[in-house]
């Protein structure tokens, strides 16, 4: 399995960019939501609330209607959930905790019951960690490091141990990476840039090499994009919007075109 990691930090520059398979109307230095889509028909919804309590109510409602959590994002004062109509026999649960140490304490209990982490998010000093049964995962691990260089080093170590990076998050002063075996990926790369304009060029390059975006995270002025190679390659694109309300309209347009939202990020 080929694993690639490149670390390069560059300055932010104002520029509007357009790429194939996506729409971008916002300068690279302006606040934006970025949604990554793949060509796959799937029934999805987006729910957003100001309070965590109301967001948890939205989760319960969507579960009752047969939708699973596929993405959670906190940004610009709102909790946002992407929900996907479940096709298989899945079972989800989640933890809300003030400290990651609480999550760490409970992990073995969940793993022993056959649950694996599928999504992690930190917002308003709260961690939300989503667990799911009946995934393809065979094993799981995490890394939390204060320094980015050290985090990068441990990502490489996990890759060498045949783990794949499935989610990224920053909270409590540490970069957190969630890893799993059994993802089906054939290779990964993680690229870091300071300016979204520069990351756009990287995305085009890796698309041409057969990689697809599997995760985007923005933290402390840095864009981090995880690229993965799949057994089958599908069309991919992304949309940017300054507000979640505008993004929802782009999401609905993509749904009608037969695209599925697989990742949601926010940053400058």
C-alpha atoms as a PDB file:
ATOM      1  CA  UNK A   1       0.000   0.000   0.000  1.00  0.00           C
ATOM      2  CA  UNK A   2       1.453   3.316  -1.023  1.00  0.00           C
ATOM      3  CA  UNK A   3       1.197   6.043   1.580  1.00  0.00           C
ATOM      4  CA  UNK A   4       2.104   9.632   0.814  1.00  0.00           C
ATOM      5  CA  UNK A   5       2.237  12.645   3.076  1.00  0.00           C
ATOM      6  CA  UNK A   6       3.355  16.122   2.159  1.00  0.00           C
ATOM      7  CA  UNK A   7       3.563  19.108   4.508  1.00  0.00           C
ATOM      8  CA  UNK A   8       3.777  22.556   2.968  1.00  0.00           C
ATOM      9  CA  UNK A   9       2.499  25.784   4.486  1.00  0.00           C
ATOM     10  CA  UNK A  10       1.864  28.797   2.228  1.00  0.00           C
ATOM     11  CA  UNK A  11       0.354  32.263   2.631  1.00  0.00           C
ATOM     12  CA  UNK A  12      -3.295  33.115   2.015  1.00  0.00           C
ATOM     13  CA  UNK A  13      -3.986  34.910  -1.291  1.00  0.00           C
ATOM     14  CA  UNK A  14      -7.274  36.357  -2.545  1.00  0.00           C
ATOM     15  CA  UNK A  15      -8.481  34.643  -5.719  1.00  0.00           C
ATOM     16  CA  UNK A  16     -11.715  33.252  -7.150  1.00  0.00           C
ATOM     17  CA  UNK A  17     -11.311  29.792  -8.699  1.00  0.00           C
ATOM     18  CA  UNK A  18     -13.412  27.474 -10.843  1.00  0.00           C
ATOM     19  CA  UNK A  19     -12.807  23.758 -11.360  1.00  0.00           C
ATOM     20  CA  UNK A  20     -14.533  20.994 -13.249  1.00  0.00           C
ATOM     21  CA  UNK A  21     -17.282  19.213 -11.323  1.00  0.00           C
ATOM     22  CA  UNK A  22     -17.656  21.974  -8.745  1.00  0.00           C
ATOM     23  CA  UNK A  23     -18.714  25.587  -8.265  1.00  0.00           C
ATOM     24  CA  UNK A  24     -16.755  28.209  -6.338  1.00  0.00           C
ATOM     25  CA  UNK A  25     -17.799  31.852  -6.233  1.00  0.00           C
ATOM     26  CA  UNK A  26     -16.002  32.925  -3.066  1.00  0.00           C
ATOM     27  CA  UNK A  27     -12.529  34.377  -2.580  1.00  0.00           C
ATOM     28  CA  UNK A  28     -10.128  31.923  -0.993  1.00  0.00           C
ATOM     29  CA  UNK A  29      -9.720  34.117   2.100  1.00  0.00           C
ATOM     30  CA  UNK A  30     -13.454  34.369   2.861  1.00  0.00           C
ATOM     31  CA  UNK A  31     -15.368  32.151   5.237  1.00  0.00           C
ATOM     32  CA  UNK A  32     -17.005  29.201   3.508  1.00  0.00           C
ATOM     33  CA  UNK A  33     -18.549  25.780   3.832  1.00  0.00           C
ATOM     34  CA  UNK A  34     -17.079  23.165   1.516  1.00  0.00           C
ATOM     35  CA  UNK A  35     -19.039  20.037   0.661  1.00  0.00           C
ATOM     36  CA  UNK A  36     -17.494  17.088  -1.174  1.00  0.00           C
ATOM     37  CA  UNK A  37     -19.789  15.054  -3.435  1.00  0.00           C
ATOM     38  CA  UNK A  38     -19.522  11.762  -5.312  1.00  0.00           C
ATOM     39  CA  UNK A  39     -21.674  10.543  -8.198  1.00  0.00           C
ATOM     40  CA  UNK A  40     -23.996   8.193  -6.352  1.00  0.00           C
ATOM     41  CA  UNK A  41     -27.749   8.338  -5.883  1.00  0.00           C
ATOM     42  CA  UNK A  42     -28.707   8.458  -2.235  1.00  0.00           C
ATOM     43  CA  UNK A  43     -31.490  10.022  -0.179  1.00  0.00           C
ATOM     44  CA  UNK A  44     -29.945  12.602   2.119  1.00  0.00           C
ATOM     45  CA  UNK A  45     -30.968  15.477   4.382  1.00  0.00           C
ATOM     46  CA  UNK A  46     -29.160  18.359   6.070  1.00  0.00           C
ATOM     47  CA  UNK A  47     -30.313  19.614   9.466  1.00  0.00           C
ATOM     48  CA  UNK A  48     -28.825  22.601  11.295  1.00  0.00           C
ATOM     49  CA  UNK A  49     -29.528  24.060  14.735  1.00  0.00           C
ATOM     50  CA  UNK A  50     -28.019  26.661  17.020  1.00  0.00           C
ATOM     51  CA  UNK A  51     -28.078  24.514  20.173  1.00  0.00           C
ATOM     52  CA  UNK A  52     -26.639  21.076  20.819  1.00  0.00           C
ATOM     53  CA  UNK A  53     -29.851  20.057  22.595  1.00  0.00           C
ATOM     54  CA  UNK A  54     -31.940  20.747  19.481  1.00  0.00           C
ATOM     55  CA  UNK A  55     -29.339  19.040  17.321  1.00  0.00           C
ATOM     56  CA  UNK A  56     -29.688  15.888  19.417  1.00  0.00           C
ATOM     57  CA  UNK A  57     -33.449  16.051  18.881  1.00  0.00           C
ATOM     58  CA  UNK A  58     -32.819  16.224  15.124  1.00  0.00           C
ATOM     59  CA  UNK A  59     -30.646  13.113  15.341  1.00  0.00           C
ATOM     60  CA  UNK A  60     -33.377  11.171  17.137  1.00  0.00           C
ATOM     61  CA  UNK A  61     -35.974  12.286  14.575  1.00  0.00           C
ATOM     62  CA  UNK A  62     -33.836  11.238  11.619  1.00  0.00           C
ATOM     63  CA  UNK A  63     -33.033   7.877  13.181  1.00  0.00           C
ATOM     64  CA  UNK A  64     -36.763   7.230  13.622  1.00  0.00           C
ATOM     65  CA  UNK A  65     -37.240   7.970   9.909  1.00  0.00           C
ATOM     66  CA  UNK A  66     -34.512   5.516   8.887  1.00  0.00           C
ATOM     67  CA  UNK A  67     -31.660   7.975   8.294  1.00  0.00           C
ATOM     68  CA  UNK A  68     -28.111   7.482   9.626  1.00  0.00           C
ATOM     69  CA  UNK A  69     -25.654  10.189  10.625  1.00  0.00           C
ATOM     70  CA  UNK A  70     -23.071  10.414   7.863  1.00  0.00           C
ATOM     71  CA  UNK A  71     -21.440  13.737   8.807  1.00  0.00           C
ATOM     72  CA  UNK A  72     -21.458  16.223  11.688  1.00  0.00           C
ATOM     73  CA  UNK A  73     -19.948  19.694  11.541  1.00  0.00           C
ATOM     74  CA  UNK A  74     -19.903  22.619  13.951  1.00  0.00           C
ATOM     75  CA  UNK A  75     -19.261  25.952  12.275  1.00  0.00           C
ATOM     76  CA  UNK A  76     -20.276  29.591  12.407  1.00  0.00           C
ATOM     77  CA  UNK A  77     -22.397  29.030  15.536  1.00  0.00           C
ATOM     78  CA  UNK A  78     -24.372  26.063  14.179  1.00  0.00           C
ATOM     79  CA  UNK A  79     -24.434  22.306  14.567  1.00  0.00           C
ATOM     80  CA  UNK A  80     -24.956  20.701  11.160  1.00  0.00           C
ATOM     81  CA  UNK A  81     -25.826  17.090  10.450  1.00  0.00           C
ATOM     82  CA  UNK A  82     -25.849  15.244   7.139  1.00  0.00           C
ATOM     83  CA  UNK A  83     -28.188  12.240   7.247  1.00  0.00           C
ATOM     84  CA  UNK A  84     -28.324   9.408   4.724  1.00  0.00           C
ATOM     85  CA  UNK A  85     -31.158   6.919   4.221  1.00  0.00           C
ATOM     86  CA  UNK A  86     -29.864   3.602   5.499  1.00  0.00           C
ATOM     87  CA  UNK A  87     -29.781   0.707   3.004  1.00  0.00           C
ATOM     88  CA  UNK A  88     -28.306  -1.899   5.328  1.00  0.00           C
ATOM     89  CA  UNK A  89     -28.883  -3.168   8.847  1.00  0.00           C
ATOM     90  CA  UNK A  90     -26.880  -0.590  10.755  1.00  0.00           C
ATOM     91  CA  UNK A  91     -27.043   0.598  14.305  1.00  0.00           C
ATOM     92  CA  UNK A  92     -25.679   3.929  15.453  1.00  0.00           C
ATOM     93  CA  UNK A  93     -25.077   5.581  18.775  1.00  0.00           C
ATOM     94  CA  UNK A  94     -23.003   8.534  19.914  1.00  0.00           C
ATOM     95  CA  UNK A  95     -21.174  10.044  22.880  1.00  0.00           C
ATOM     96  CA  UNK A  96     -21.250  13.693  23.951  1.00  0.00           C
ATOM     97  CA  UNK A  97     -18.367  14.598  26.270  1.00  0.00           C
ATOM     98  CA  UNK A  98     -16.589  17.702  27.512  1.00  0.00           C
ATOM     99  CA  UNK A  99     -13.204  15.969  27.573  1.00  0.00           C
ATOM    100  CA  UNK A 100     -11.714  13.501  25.124  1.00  0.00           C
ATOM    101  CA  UNK A 101     -10.445  11.520  28.120  1.00  0.00           C
ATOM    102  CA  UNK A 102     -14.082  10.499  28.721  1.00  0.00           C
ATOM    103  CA  UNK A 103     -14.300   9.177  25.166  1.00  0.00           C
ATOM    104  CA  UNK A 104     -10.991   7.353  25.589  1.00  0.00           C
ATOM    105  CA  UNK A 105     -12.274   5.704  28.774  1.00  0.00           C
ATOM    106  CA  UNK A 106     -15.355   4.363  26.972  1.00  0.00           C
ATOM    107  CA  UNK A 107     -13.735   3.235  23.717  1.00  0.00           C
ATOM    108  CA  UNK A 108     -12.887  -0.344  24.671  1.00  0.00           C
ATOM    109  CA  UNK A 109     -16.454  -0.903  25.891  1.00  0.00           C
ATOM    110  CA  UNK A 110     -17.877   0.173  22.526  1.00  0.00           C
ATOM    111  CA  UNK A 111     -15.270  -1.689  20.480  1.00  0.00           C
ATOM    112  CA  UNK A 112     -15.948  -4.879  22.450  1.00  0.00           C
ATOM    113  CA  UNK A 113     -19.628  -4.564  21.479  1.00  0.00           C
ATOM    114  CA  UNK A 114     -18.759  -4.297  17.781  1.00  0.00           C
ATOM    115  CA  UNK A 115     -19.109  -0.513  17.442  1.00  0.00           C
ATOM    116  CA  UNK A 116     -16.536   1.544  15.548  1.00  0.00           C
ATOM    117  CA  UNK A 117     -16.121   5.330  15.348  1.00  0.00           C
ATOM    118  CA  UNK A 118     -17.386   6.689  12.026  1.00  0.00           C
ATOM    119  CA  UNK A 119     -17.444  10.427  12.786  1.00  0.00           C
ATOM    120  CA  UNK A 120     -15.942  12.811  15.333  1.00  0.00           C
ATOM    121  CA  UNK A 121     -16.551  16.532  15.832  1.00  0.00           C
ATOM    122  CA  UNK A 122     -15.583  19.171  18.403  1.00  0.00           C
ATOM    123  CA  UNK A 123     -17.584  22.362  18.914  1.00  0.00           C
ATOM    124  CA  UNK A 124     -18.433  24.694  21.790  1.00  0.00           C
ATOM    125  CA  UNK A 125     -16.127  22.668  24.074  1.00  0.00           C
ATOM    126  CA  UNK A 126     -18.102  19.481  23.360  1.00  0.00           C
ATOM    127  CA  UNK A 127     -17.034  16.289  21.605  1.00  0.00           C
ATOM    128  CA  UNK A 128     -19.557  14.307  19.589  1.00  0.00           C
ATOM    129  CA  UNK A 129     -18.329  10.855  18.636  1.00  0.00           C
ATOM    130  CA  UNK A 130     -20.543   8.684  16.419  1.00  0.00           C
ATOM    131  CA  UNK A 131     -20.272   4.885  16.623  1.00  0.00           C
ATOM    132  CA  UNK A 132     -21.732   2.360  14.216  1.00  0.00           C
ATOM    133  CA  UNK A 133     -22.178  -1.417  14.034  1.00  0.00           C
ATOM    134  CA  UNK A 134     -21.906  -3.553  10.890  1.00  0.00           C
ATOM    135  CA  UNK A 135     -19.196  -1.489   9.213  1.00  0.00           C
ATOM    136  CA  UNK A 136     -16.397  -3.004   7.136  1.00  0.00           C
ATOM    137  CA  UNK A 137     -13.860  -2.067   9.828  1.00  0.00           C
ATOM    138  CA  UNK A 138     -11.801  -4.795  11.488  1.00  0.00           C
ATOM    139  CA  UNK A 139      -9.778  -2.738  13.951  1.00  0.00           C
ATOM    140  CA  UNK A 140      -9.496   0.865  15.086  1.00  0.00           C
ATOM    141  CA  UNK A 141      -7.103   3.300  16.755  1.00  0.00           C
ATOM    142  CA  UNK A 142      -6.599   7.027  17.328  1.00  0.00           C
ATOM    143  CA  UNK A 143      -3.746   9.516  17.686  1.00  0.00           C
ATOM    144  CA  UNK A 144      -3.839  12.843  19.571  1.00  0.00           C
ATOM    145  CA  UNK A 145      -0.849  15.171  19.395  1.00  0.00           C
ATOM    146  CA  UNK A 146      -0.170  18.784  20.399  1.00  0.00           C
ATOM    147  CA  UNK A 147       2.260  19.569  17.576  1.00  0.00           C
ATOM    148  CA  UNK A 148       1.291  19.225  13.939  1.00  0.00           C
ATOM    149  CA  UNK A 149       4.685  17.838  12.953  1.00  0.00           C
ATOM    150  CA  UNK A 150       4.344  15.128  15.586  1.00  0.00           C
ATOM    151  CA  UNK A 151       0.808  14.343  14.440  1.00  0.00           C
ATOM    152  CA  UNK A 152       2.061  13.982  10.867  1.00  0.00           C
ATOM    153  CA  UNK A 153       4.760  11.588  12.076  1.00  0.00           C
ATOM    154  CA  UNK A 154       2.214   9.371  13.824  1.00  0.00           C
ATOM    155  CA  UNK A 155      -0.121   9.382  10.828  1.00  0.00           C
ATOM    156  CA  UNK A 156       2.751   7.884   8.855  1.00  0.00           C
ATOM    157  CA  UNK A 157       3.330   5.285  11.554  1.00  0.00           C
ATOM    158  CA  UNK A 158      -0.324   4.245  11.505  1.00  0.00           C
ATOM    159  CA  UNK A 159      -0.211   3.997   7.723  1.00  0.00           C
ATOM    160  CA  UNK A 160       2.831   1.723   7.989  1.00  0.00           C
ATOM    161  CA  UNK A 161       0.782  -0.484  10.342  1.00  0.00           C
ATOM    162  CA  UNK A 162      -1.940  -0.801   7.646  1.00  0.00           C
ATOM    163  CA  UNK A 163      -4.404   1.596   9.267  1.00  0.00           C
ATOM    164  CA  UNK A 164      -6.255   4.202   7.183  1.00  0.00           C
ATOM    165  CA  UNK A 165      -7.110   7.715   8.366  1.00  0.00           C
ATOM    166  CA  UNK A 166     -10.915   8.053   8.353  1.00  0.00           C
ATOM    167  CA  UNK A 167     -11.507  11.330  10.231  1.00  0.00           C
ATOM    168  CA  UNK A 168      -9.640  14.418  11.465  1.00  0.00           C
ATOM    169  CA  UNK A 169     -10.537  16.899  14.190  1.00  0.00           C
ATOM    170  CA  UNK A 170      -8.882  19.500  16.415  1.00  0.00           C
ATOM    171  CA  UNK A 171      -9.942  20.070  20.007  1.00  0.00           C
ATOM    172  CA  UNK A 172      -8.521  20.668  23.476  1.00  0.00           C
ATOM    173  CA  UNK A 173      -5.280  21.869  21.889  1.00  0.00           C
ATOM    174  CA  UNK A 174      -4.591  18.638  19.992  1.00  0.00           C
ATOM    175  CA  UNK A 175      -4.904  17.246  16.493  1.00  0.00           C
ATOM    176  CA  UNK A 176      -6.926  14.042  16.574  1.00  0.00           C
ATOM    177  CA  UNK A 177      -6.893  11.340  13.918  1.00  0.00           C
ATOM    178  CA  UNK A 178      -9.249   8.352  13.834  1.00  0.00           C
ATOM    179  CA  UNK A 179      -7.863   5.281  12.052  1.00  0.00           C
ATOM    180  CA  UNK A 180      -9.348   1.958  10.948  1.00  0.00           C
ATOM    181  CA  UNK A 181      -8.412  -1.279   9.241  1.00  0.00           C
ATOM    182  CA  UNK A 182     -10.763  -2.756   6.672  1.00  0.00           C
ATOM    183  CA  UNK A 183     -11.763   0.485   4.923  1.00  0.00           C
ATOM    184  CA  UNK A 184     -11.208  -0.865   1.417  1.00  0.00           C
ATOM    185  CA  UNK A 185      -8.830   1.984   0.522  1.00  0.00           C
ATOM    186  CA  UNK A 186      -5.840   1.109  -1.672  1.00  0.00           C
ATOM    187  CA  UNK A 187      -3.712   4.060  -0.597  1.00  0.00           C
ATOM    188  CA  UNK A 188      -3.913   7.468   1.067  1.00  0.00           C
ATOM    189  CA  UNK A 189      -2.251  10.871   1.043  1.00  0.00           C
ATOM    190  CA  UNK A 190      -2.647  13.819   3.414  1.00  0.00           C
ATOM    191  CA  UNK A 191      -1.829  17.285   2.128  1.00  0.00           C
ATOM    192  CA  UNK A 192      -1.630  20.482   4.199  1.00  0.00           C
ATOM    193  CA  UNK A 193      -1.839  24.036   2.876  1.00  0.00           C
ATOM    194  CA  UNK A 194      -2.468  27.449   4.428  1.00  0.00           C
ATOM    195  CA  UNK A 195      -4.471  28.856   1.484  1.00  0.00           C
ATOM    196  CA  UNK A 196      -7.532  27.229  -0.061  1.00  0.00           C
ATOM    197  CA  UNK A 197      -6.397  28.542  -3.450  1.00  0.00           C
ATOM    198  CA  UNK A 198      -3.311  26.355  -3.201  1.00  0.00           C
ATOM    199  CA  UNK A 199      -5.314  23.345  -2.038  1.00  0.00           C
ATOM    200  CA  UNK A 200      -7.537  23.644  -5.120  1.00  0.00           C
ATOM    201  CA  UNK A 201      -4.465  23.004  -7.296  1.00  0.00           C
ATOM    202  CA  UNK A 202      -3.543  19.998  -5.161  1.00  0.00           C
ATOM    203  CA  UNK A 203      -7.050  18.551  -5.496  1.00  0.00           C
ATOM    204  CA  UNK A 204      -6.875  18.702  -9.299  1.00  0.00           C
ATOM    205  CA  UNK A 205      -3.470  17.010  -9.221  1.00  0.00           C
ATOM    206  CA  UNK A 206      -4.612  14.138  -7.006  1.00  0.00           C
ATOM    207  CA  UNK A 207      -7.859  13.650  -8.914  1.00  0.00           C
ATOM    208  CA  UNK A 208      -5.759  13.077 -12.037  1.00  0.00           C
ATOM    209  CA  UNK A 209      -3.716  10.489 -10.130  1.00  0.00           C
ATOM    210  CA  UNK A 210      -6.825   8.489  -9.266  1.00  0.00           C
ATOM    211  CA  UNK A 211      -7.278   9.721  -5.691  1.00  0.00           C
ATOM    212  CA  UNK A 212     -10.550  11.032  -4.281  1.00  0.00           C
ATOM    213  CA  UNK A 213     -11.148  13.354  -1.323  1.00  0.00           C
ATOM    214  CA  UNK A 214     -12.247  11.399   1.735  1.00  0.00           C
ATOM    215  CA  UNK A 215     -11.913  14.132   4.394  1.00  0.00           C
ATOM    216  CA  UNK A 216     -11.298  17.881   4.655  1.00  0.00           C
ATOM    217  CA  UNK A 217     -10.517  19.732   7.879  1.00  0.00           C
ATOM    218  CA  UNK A 218      -9.622  23.380   8.601  1.00  0.00           C
ATOM    219  CA  UNK A 219      -7.766  24.123  11.827  1.00  0.00           C
ATOM    220  CA  UNK A 220      -5.524  26.925  13.091  1.00  0.00           C
ATOM    221  CA  UNK A 221      -5.199  28.494   9.648  1.00  0.00           C
ATOM    222  CA  UNK A 222      -4.403  25.238   7.862  1.00  0.00           C
ATOM    223  CA  UNK A 223      -6.411  23.185   5.370  1.00  0.00           C
ATOM    224  CA  UNK A 224      -5.865  19.439   5.716  1.00  0.00           C
ATOM    225  CA  UNK A 225      -7.187  17.149   2.981  1.00  0.00           C
ATOM    226  CA  UNK A 226      -7.067  13.360   3.112  1.00  0.00           C
ATOM    227  CA  UNK A 227      -7.097  11.675  -0.305  1.00  0.00           C
ATOM    228  CA  UNK A 228      -7.879   7.978  -0.723  1.00  0.00           C
ATOM    229  CA  UNK A 229      -7.741   5.506  -3.577  1.00  0.00           C
ATOM    230  CA  UNK A 230     -10.775   3.265  -3.976  1.00  0.00           C
ATOM    231  CA  UNK A 231     -11.221  -0.030  -5.816  1.00  0.00           C
ATOM    232  CA  UNK A 232     -13.592   1.768  -8.183  1.00  0.00           C
ATOM    233  CA  UNK A 233     -13.271   5.416  -9.181  1.00  0.00           C
ATOM    234  CA  UNK A 234     -16.359   7.609  -9.326  1.00  0.00           C
ATOM    235  CA  UNK A 235     -16.877  11.223 -10.361  1.00  0.00           C
ATOM    236  CA  UNK A 236     -16.259  13.697  -7.579  1.00  0.00           C
ATOM    237  CA  UNK A 237     -16.796  17.413  -7.076  1.00  0.00           C
ATOM    238  CA  UNK A 238     -17.254  20.013  -4.390  1.00  0.00           C
ATOM    239  CA  UNK A 239     -19.310  23.112  -3.682  1.00  0.00           C
ATOM    240  CA  UNK A 240     -18.508  26.175  -1.584  1.00  0.00           C
ATOM    241  CA  UNK A 241     -20.929  28.592   0.064  1.00  0.00           C
ATOM    242  CA  UNK A 242     -20.610  31.432   2.572  1.00  0.00           C
ATOM    243  CA  UNK A 243     -23.591  30.282   4.669  1.00  0.00           C
ATOM    244  CA  UNK A 244     -25.229  26.967   5.437  1.00  0.00           C
ATOM    245  CA  UNK A 245     -28.502  28.293   3.991  1.00  0.00           C
ATOM    246  CA  UNK A 246     -26.848  28.874   0.606  1.00  0.00           C
ATOM    247  CA  UNK A 247     -25.045  25.556   0.841  1.00  0.00           C
ATOM    248  CA  UNK A 248     -28.347  23.716   1.392  1.00  0.00           C
ATOM    249  CA  UNK A 249     -29.572  24.983  -1.980  1.00  0.00           C
ATOM    250  CA  UNK A 250     -26.399  23.696  -3.666  1.00  0.00           C
ATOM    251  CA  UNK A 251     -26.851  20.410  -1.819  1.00  0.00           C
ATOM    252  CA  UNK A 252     -30.398  20.053  -3.138  1.00  0.00           C
ATOM    253  CA  UNK A 253     -29.162  20.768  -6.676  1.00  0.00           C
ATOM    254  CA  UNK A 254     -26.482  18.091  -6.355  1.00  0.00           C
ATOM    255  CA  UNK A 255     -29.040  15.603  -5.005  1.00  0.00           C
ATOM    256  CA  UNK A 256     -31.189  16.095  -8.107  1.00  0.00           C
ATOM    257  CA  UNK A 257     -28.112  15.503 -10.279  1.00  0.00           C
ATOM    258  CA  UNK A 258     -27.455  12.172  -8.549  1.00  0.00           C
ATOM    259  CA  UNK A 259     -24.631  13.220  -6.224  1.00  0.00           C
ATOM    260  CA  UNK A 260     -24.099  12.149  -2.612  1.00  0.00           C
ATOM    261  CA  UNK A 261     -22.482  14.409   0.014  1.00  0.00           C
ATOM    262  CA  UNK A 262     -19.618  12.550   1.731  1.00  0.00           C
ATOM    263  CA  UNK A 263     -17.842  15.336   3.635  1.00  0.00           C
ATOM    264  CA  UNK A 264     -18.562  18.824   4.970  1.00  0.00           C
ATOM    265  CA  UNK A 265     -15.868  21.289   6.059  1.00  0.00           C
ATOM    266  CA  UNK A 266     -15.769  24.941   7.026  1.00  0.00           C
ATOM    267  CA  UNK A 267     -13.012  27.523   7.243  1.00  0.00           C
ATOM    268  CA  UNK A 268     -11.377  30.607   5.722  1.00  0.00           C
END
